[in-house]
Amino acid sequence: MPPNAPGEKGKREKLVHAPQSGLAALYAAYRPELLRFLITRTGDPAEAEDVLQELWLRVHAAGGSFVANGRAYLYRAAQNLVLDRMRERRRRSTRDRDWSVAEYGAASPGETADPRPGAEQAMEDQQRSARLATAIAALPPAAGRVFRLHKLDGLPHADVARELGITRSGVEKHMATAMTFLRRSLRD
């Protein structure tokens, strides 16, 4: 039966006024509402269930204590548990960051503790470099000479043209040929 159904409110009223019901009965009656409340607070249904379980443990630890407004008590206790978890996460994050700074020096936010690339990343980089070197070696001779002088040696187009005895337009055409060839080679 949905929480706002006509008979549901009557059930809750009976639970609130029943002397033997206590907080445990109120918890059972408001559990679906509390779960929705906690999901909106945490943003995670699994974490909301965990908080609800903690609330259940607190309710049972309270035993037969008298509470004037049981519903308000349950919601406040649930909110306090969410806040406790947030504070603990913040403390843990600060502690981990402080340890990282002490161990590896100043680290920017989001930086991993060990700045070196992992083995998988290093292997991928080596493979990519090997493919690029193979593709450059396979360039047509004239385009390869122009590419090496411009991209690897860092000469501007005018200097490459002077050194090879060709026009600047010729350098641009050879560079276009080289870049097209490399794109195709690296795409395959």
C-alpha atoms as a PDB file:
ATOM      1  CA  MET A   1       0.000   0.000   0.000  1.00  0.00           C
ATOM      2  CA  PRO A   2       1.520   3.404  -0.933  1.00  0.00           C
ATOM      3  CA  PRO A   3       2.553   5.671   1.962  1.00  0.00           C
ATOM      4  CA  ASN A   4      -0.135   8.248   1.200  1.00  0.00           C
ATOM      5  CA  ALA A   5      -2.977   5.735   0.804  1.00  0.00           C
ATOM      6  CA  PRO A   6      -6.035   6.458   2.977  1.00  0.00           C
ATOM      7  CA  GLY A   7      -5.588   3.429   5.264  1.00  0.00           C
ATOM      8  CA  GLU A   8      -1.840   4.000   5.695  1.00  0.00           C
ATOM      9  CA  LYS A   9      -2.176   7.147   7.781  1.00  0.00           C
ATOM     10  CA  GLY A  10      -4.598   5.394  10.102  1.00  0.00           C
ATOM     11  CA  LYS A  11      -2.095   2.577  10.564  1.00  0.00           C
ATOM     12  CA  ARG A  12       0.624   5.027  11.459  1.00  0.00           C
ATOM     13  CA  GLU A  13      -1.590   6.807  13.931  1.00  0.00           C
ATOM     14  CA  LYS A  14      -2.346   3.484  15.629  1.00  0.00           C
ATOM     15  CA  LEU A  15       1.386   2.689  15.727  1.00  0.00           C
ATOM     16  CA  VAL A  16       2.224   6.081  17.169  1.00  0.00           C
ATOM     17  CA  HIS A  17      -0.360   5.762  19.922  1.00  0.00           C
ATOM     18  CA  ALA A  18       0.104   2.071  20.677  1.00  0.00           C
ATOM     19  CA  PRO A  19       2.023   1.829  23.952  1.00  0.00           C
ATOM     20  CA  GLN A  20       3.973  -1.305  22.970  1.00  0.00           C
ATOM     21  CA  SER A  21       4.967  -0.071  19.475  1.00  0.00           C
ATOM     22  CA  GLY A  22       7.916   2.177  20.382  1.00  0.00           C
ATOM     23  CA  LEU A  23      10.515   3.386  17.937  1.00  0.00           C
ATOM     24  CA  ALA A  24      10.871  -0.021  16.275  1.00  0.00           C
ATOM     25  CA  ALA A  25       7.251   0.054  15.130  1.00  0.00           C
ATOM     26  CA  LEU A  26       7.624   3.645  13.944  1.00  0.00           C
ATOM     27  CA  TYR A  27      10.757   2.646  12.061  1.00  0.00           C
ATOM     28  CA  ALA A  28       8.869  -0.176  10.335  1.00  0.00           C
ATOM     29  CA  ALA A  29       6.011   2.158   9.443  1.00  0.00           C
ATOM     30  CA  TYR A  30       8.220   4.930   8.060  1.00  0.00           C
ATOM     31  CA  ARG A  31      10.945   2.760   6.517  1.00  0.00           C
ATOM     32  CA  PRO A  32       9.947   3.368   2.845  1.00  0.00           C
ATOM     33  CA  GLU A  33       9.738   7.133   3.455  1.00  0.00           C
ATOM     34  CA  LEU A  34      13.041   7.122   5.288  1.00  0.00           C
ATOM     35  CA  LEU A  35      14.663   5.207   2.451  1.00  0.00           C
ATOM     36  CA  ARG A  36      13.470   7.772  -0.126  1.00  0.00           C
ATOM     37  CA  PHE A  37      14.670  10.565   2.164  1.00  0.00           C
ATOM     38  CA  LEU A  38      18.102   8.977   2.478  1.00  0.00           C
ATOM     39  CA  ILE A  39      18.435   8.291  -1.243  1.00  0.00           C
ATOM     40  CA  THR A  40      17.877  11.984  -1.932  1.00  0.00           C
ATOM     41  CA  ARG A  41      20.424  12.929   0.741  1.00  0.00           C
ATOM     42  CA  THR A  42      23.144  10.476  -0.311  1.00  0.00           C
ATOM     43  CA  GLY A  43      22.442  10.136  -4.022  1.00  0.00           C
ATOM     44  CA  ASP A  44      23.193   6.420  -3.786  1.00  0.00           C
ATOM     45  CA  PRO A  45      20.567   3.740  -3.055  1.00  0.00           C
ATOM     46  CA  ALA A  46      23.167   1.327  -1.661  1.00  0.00           C
ATOM     47  CA  GLU A  47      24.543   3.932   0.732  1.00  0.00           C
ATOM     48  CA  ALA A  48      20.994   4.904   1.716  1.00  0.00           C
ATOM     49  CA  GLU A  49      20.326   1.252   2.636  1.00  0.00           C
ATOM     50  CA  ASP A  50      23.515   1.226   4.732  1.00  0.00           C
ATOM     51  CA  VAL A  51      22.442   4.358   6.594  1.00  0.00           C
ATOM     52  CA  LEU A  52      18.980   2.881   7.114  1.00  0.00           C
ATOM     53  CA  GLN A  53      20.603  -0.220   8.620  1.00  0.00           C
ATOM     54  CA  GLU A  54      22.629   1.980  10.985  1.00  0.00           C
ATOM     55  CA  LEU A  55      19.417   3.750  11.946  1.00  0.00           C
ATOM     56  CA  TRP A  56      17.773   0.384  12.652  1.00  0.00           C
ATOM     57  CA  LEU A  57      20.656  -0.512  14.982  1.00  0.00           C
ATOM     58  CA  ARG A  58      20.309   2.787  16.828  1.00  0.00           C
ATOM     59  CA  VAL A  59      16.561   2.350  17.180  1.00  0.00           C
ATOM     60  CA  HIS A  60      17.022  -1.077  18.705  1.00  0.00           C
ATOM     61  CA  ALA A  61      19.810   0.171  20.960  1.00  0.00           C
ATOM     62  CA  ALA A  62      17.460   2.885  22.249  1.00  0.00           C
ATOM     63  CA  GLY A  63      15.134   0.143  23.471  1.00  0.00           C
ATOM     64  CA  GLY A  64      11.860   1.342  24.960  1.00  0.00           C
ATOM     65  CA  SER A  65      12.918   4.994  25.357  1.00  0.00           C
ATOM     66  CA  PHE A  66      10.091   7.482  25.214  1.00  0.00           C
ATOM     67  CA  VAL A  67      10.285   9.953  22.343  1.00  0.00           C
ATOM     68  CA  ALA A  68       7.710  12.734  22.055  1.00  0.00           C
ATOM     69  CA  ASN A  69       7.750  12.928  18.238  1.00  0.00           C
ATOM     70  CA  GLY A  70       8.987   9.600  16.897  1.00  0.00           C
ATOM     71  CA  ARG A  71       8.811  10.514  13.217  1.00  0.00           C
ATOM     72  CA  ALA A  72      10.851  13.684  13.720  1.00  0.00           C
ATOM     73  CA  TYR A  73      13.329  11.721  15.829  1.00  0.00           C
ATOM     74  CA  LEU A  74      13.816   9.116  13.076  1.00  0.00           C
ATOM     75  CA  TYR A  75      14.311  11.734  10.370  1.00  0.00           C
ATOM     76  CA  ARG A  76      16.742  13.732  12.502  1.00  0.00           C
ATOM     77  CA  ALA A  77      18.703  10.607  13.399  1.00  0.00           C
ATOM     78  CA  ALA A  78      18.858   9.610   9.712  1.00  0.00           C
ATOM     79  CA  GLN A  79      20.073  13.097   8.745  1.00  0.00           C
ATOM     80  CA  ASN A  80      22.720  12.991  11.488  1.00  0.00           C
ATOM     81  CA  LEU A  81      23.979   9.629  10.206  1.00  0.00           C
ATOM     82  CA  VAL A  82      24.319  11.074   6.688  1.00  0.00           C
ATOM     83  CA  LEU A  83      26.231  14.068   8.066  1.00  0.00           C
ATOM     84  CA  ASP A  84      28.501  11.759  10.081  1.00  0.00           C
ATOM     85  CA  ARG A  85      29.332   9.809   6.929  1.00  0.00           C
ATOM     86  CA  MET A  86      30.080  13.003   4.989  1.00  0.00           C
ATOM     87  CA  ARG A  87      32.386  14.246   7.757  1.00  0.00           C
ATOM     88  CA  GLU A  88      34.178  10.895   7.864  1.00  0.00           C
ATOM     89  CA  ARG A  89      34.667  10.947   4.074  1.00  0.00           C
ATOM     90  CA  ARG A  90      36.092  14.471   4.305  1.00  0.00           C
ATOM     91  CA  ARG A  91      38.444  13.473   7.153  1.00  0.00           C
ATOM     92  CA  ARG A  92      39.589  10.407   5.203  1.00  0.00           C
ATOM     93  CA  SER A  93      40.212  12.483   2.079  1.00  0.00           C
ATOM     94  CA  THR A  94      42.225  15.053   4.039  1.00  0.00           C
ATOM     95  CA  ARG A  95      44.212  12.310   5.767  1.00  0.00           C
ATOM     96  CA  ASP A  96      44.978  10.595   2.437  1.00  0.00           C
ATOM     97  CA  ARG A  97      45.967  13.892   0.786  1.00  0.00           C
ATOM     98  CA  ASP A  98      48.231  14.800   3.717  1.00  0.00           C
ATOM     99  CA  TRP A  99      49.874  11.382   3.537  1.00  0.00           C
ATOM    100  CA  SER A 100      50.360  11.737  -0.220  1.00  0.00           C
ATOM    101  CA  VAL A 101      51.962  15.171   0.197  1.00  0.00           C
ATOM    102  CA  ALA A 102      54.242  13.884   2.948  1.00  0.00           C
ATOM    103  CA  GLU A 103      55.213  10.810   0.941  1.00  0.00           C
ATOM    104  CA  TYR A 104      55.534  12.265  -2.589  1.00  0.00           C
ATOM    105  CA  GLY A 105      55.697  16.024  -2.136  1.00  0.00           C
ATOM    106  CA  ALA A 106      53.089  18.605  -3.067  1.00  0.00           C
ATOM    107  CA  ALA A 107      50.364  17.086  -5.198  1.00  0.00           C
ATOM    108  CA  SER A 108      47.643  18.910  -7.065  1.00  0.00           C
ATOM    109  CA  PRO A 109      44.005  17.850  -6.563  1.00  0.00           C
ATOM    110  CA  GLY A 110      43.100  14.794  -8.607  1.00  0.00           C
ATOM    111  CA  GLU A 111      46.743  13.787  -9.023  1.00  0.00           C
ATOM    112  CA  THR A 112      47.511  10.191  -8.202  1.00  0.00           C
ATOM    113  CA  ALA A 113      49.926   9.372  -5.407  1.00  0.00           C
ATOM    114  CA  ASP A 114      52.438   7.831  -7.807  1.00  0.00           C
ATOM    115  CA  PRO A 115      52.838  10.171 -10.795  1.00  0.00           C
ATOM    116  CA  ARG A 116      54.591   7.578 -12.976  1.00  0.00           C
ATOM    117  CA  PRO A 117      52.441   5.983 -15.678  1.00  0.00           C
ATOM    118  CA  GLY A 118      51.352   2.431 -15.053  1.00  0.00           C
ATOM    119  CA  ALA A 119      52.911  -0.518 -16.869  1.00  0.00           C
ATOM    120  CA  GLU A 120      49.975  -0.785 -19.258  1.00  0.00           C
ATOM    121  CA  GLN A 121      50.178   2.914 -20.195  1.00  0.00           C
ATOM    122  CA  ALA A 122      53.950   2.683 -20.705  1.00  0.00           C
ATOM    123  CA  MET A 123      53.515  -0.343 -22.969  1.00  0.00           C
ATOM    124  CA  GLU A 124      50.828   1.428 -25.024  1.00  0.00           C
ATOM    125  CA  ASP A 125      53.092   4.491 -25.374  1.00  0.00           C
ATOM    126  CA  GLN A 126      55.982   2.303 -26.573  1.00  0.00           C
ATOM    127  CA  GLN A 127      53.761   0.559 -29.119  1.00  0.00           C
ATOM    128  CA  ARG A 128      52.416   3.901 -30.373  1.00  0.00           C
ATOM    129  CA  SER A 129      55.968   5.266 -30.698  1.00  0.00           C
ATOM    130  CA  ALA A 130      57.114   2.164 -32.574  1.00  0.00           C
ATOM    131  CA  ARG A 131      54.177   2.432 -35.002  1.00  0.00           C
ATOM    132  CA  LEU A 132      54.934   6.114 -35.607  1.00  0.00           C
ATOM    133  CA  ALA A 133      58.664   5.416 -36.210  1.00  0.00           C
ATOM    134  CA  THR A 134      57.752   2.649 -38.677  1.00  0.00           C
ATOM    135  CA  ALA A 135      55.308   4.937 -40.486  1.00  0.00           C
ATOM    136  CA  ILE A 136      57.878   7.763 -40.719  1.00  0.00           C
ATOM    137  CA  ALA A 137      60.475   5.341 -42.101  1.00  0.00           C
ATOM    138  CA  ALA A 138      57.967   4.229 -44.766  1.00  0.00           C
ATOM    139  CA  LEU A 139      57.260   7.783 -46.023  1.00  0.00           C
ATOM    140  CA  PRO A 140      57.989   8.446 -49.710  1.00  0.00           C
ATOM    141  CA  PRO A 141      61.617   9.699 -49.991  1.00  0.00           C
ATOM    142  CA  ALA A 142      60.980  13.389 -50.782  1.00  0.00           C
ATOM    143  CA  ALA A 143      58.092  13.717 -48.316  1.00  0.00           C
ATOM    144  CA  GLY A 144      60.185  11.905 -45.679  1.00  0.00           C
ATOM    145  CA  ARG A 145      63.114  14.339 -46.063  1.00  0.00           C
ATOM    146  CA  VAL A 146      60.796  17.372 -45.805  1.00  0.00           C
ATOM    147  CA  PHE A 147      58.918  15.880 -42.821  1.00  0.00           C
ATOM    148  CA  ARG A 148      62.130  15.075 -40.911  1.00  0.00           C
ATOM    149  CA  LEU A 149      63.614  18.532 -41.473  1.00  0.00           C
ATOM    150  CA  HIS A 150      60.414  20.363 -40.528  1.00  0.00           C
ATOM    151  CA  LYS A 151      58.886  18.226 -37.740  1.00  0.00           C
ATOM    152  CA  LEU A 152      61.901  16.475 -36.231  1.00  0.00           C
ATOM    153  CA  ASP A 153      64.627  19.085 -36.739  1.00  0.00           C
ATOM    154  CA  GLY A 154      62.229  22.002 -36.244  1.00  0.00           C
ATOM    155  CA  LEU A 155      63.154  24.001 -39.338  1.00  0.00           C
ATOM    156  CA  PRO A 156      60.562  26.432 -40.739  1.00  0.00           C
ATOM    157  CA  HIS A 157      59.233  25.814 -44.256  1.00  0.00           C
ATOM    158  CA  ALA A 158      61.428  28.568 -45.774  1.00  0.00           C
ATOM    159  CA  ASP A 159      64.629  26.997 -44.368  1.00  0.00           C
ATOM    160  CA  VAL A 160      63.588  23.508 -45.510  1.00  0.00           C
ATOM    161  CA  ALA A 161      62.949  24.892 -49.012  1.00  0.00           C
ATOM    162  CA  ARG A 162      66.380  26.608 -49.088  1.00  0.00           C
ATOM    163  CA  GLU A 163      68.199  23.500 -47.833  1.00  0.00           C
ATOM    164  CA  LEU A 164      66.540  21.127 -50.315  1.00  0.00           C
ATOM    165  CA  GLY A 165      66.540  23.582 -53.204  1.00  0.00           C
ATOM    166  CA  ILE A 166      62.781  23.501 -53.718  1.00  0.00           C
ATOM    167  CA  THR A 167      60.055  26.099 -53.464  1.00  0.00           C
ATOM    168  CA  ARG A 168      58.161  26.805 -50.287  1.00  0.00           C
ATOM    169  CA  SER A 169      55.024  25.560 -52.066  1.00  0.00           C
ATOM    170  CA  GLY A 170      56.870  22.297 -52.763  1.00  0.00           C
ATOM    171  CA  VAL A 171      57.638  21.944 -49.034  1.00  0.00           C
ATOM    172  CA  GLU A 172      53.962  22.447 -48.192  1.00  0.00           C
ATOM    173  CA  LYS A 173      52.894  19.825 -50.740  1.00  0.00           C
ATOM    174  CA  HIS A 174      55.417  17.296 -49.428  1.00  0.00           C
ATOM    175  CA  MET A 175      54.247  17.999 -45.838  1.00  0.00           C
ATOM    176  CA  ALA A 176      50.608  17.463 -46.874  1.00  0.00           C
ATOM    177  CA  THR A 177      51.598  14.164 -48.534  1.00  0.00           C
ATOM    178  CA  ALA A 178      53.554  13.079 -45.443  1.00  0.00           C
ATOM    179  CA  MET A 179      50.741  13.943 -43.023  1.00  0.00           C
ATOM    180  CA  THR A 180      48.126  12.125 -45.136  1.00  0.00           C
ATOM    181  CA  PHE A 181      50.396   9.075 -45.369  1.00  0.00           C
ATOM    182  CA  LEU A 182      51.029   9.056 -41.598  1.00  0.00           C
ATOM    183  CA  ARG A 183      47.332   9.432 -40.742  1.00  0.00           C
ATOM    184  CA  ARG A 184      46.460   6.474 -42.949  1.00  0.00           C
ATOM    185  CA  SER A 185      49.320   4.372 -41.583  1.00  0.00           C
ATOM    186  CA  LEU A 186      48.457   5.048 -37.961  1.00  0.00           C
ATOM    187  CA  ARG A 187      44.726   4.537 -38.481  1.00  0.00           C
ATOM    188  CA  ASP A 188      45.238   0.951 -39.745  1.00  0.00           C
END
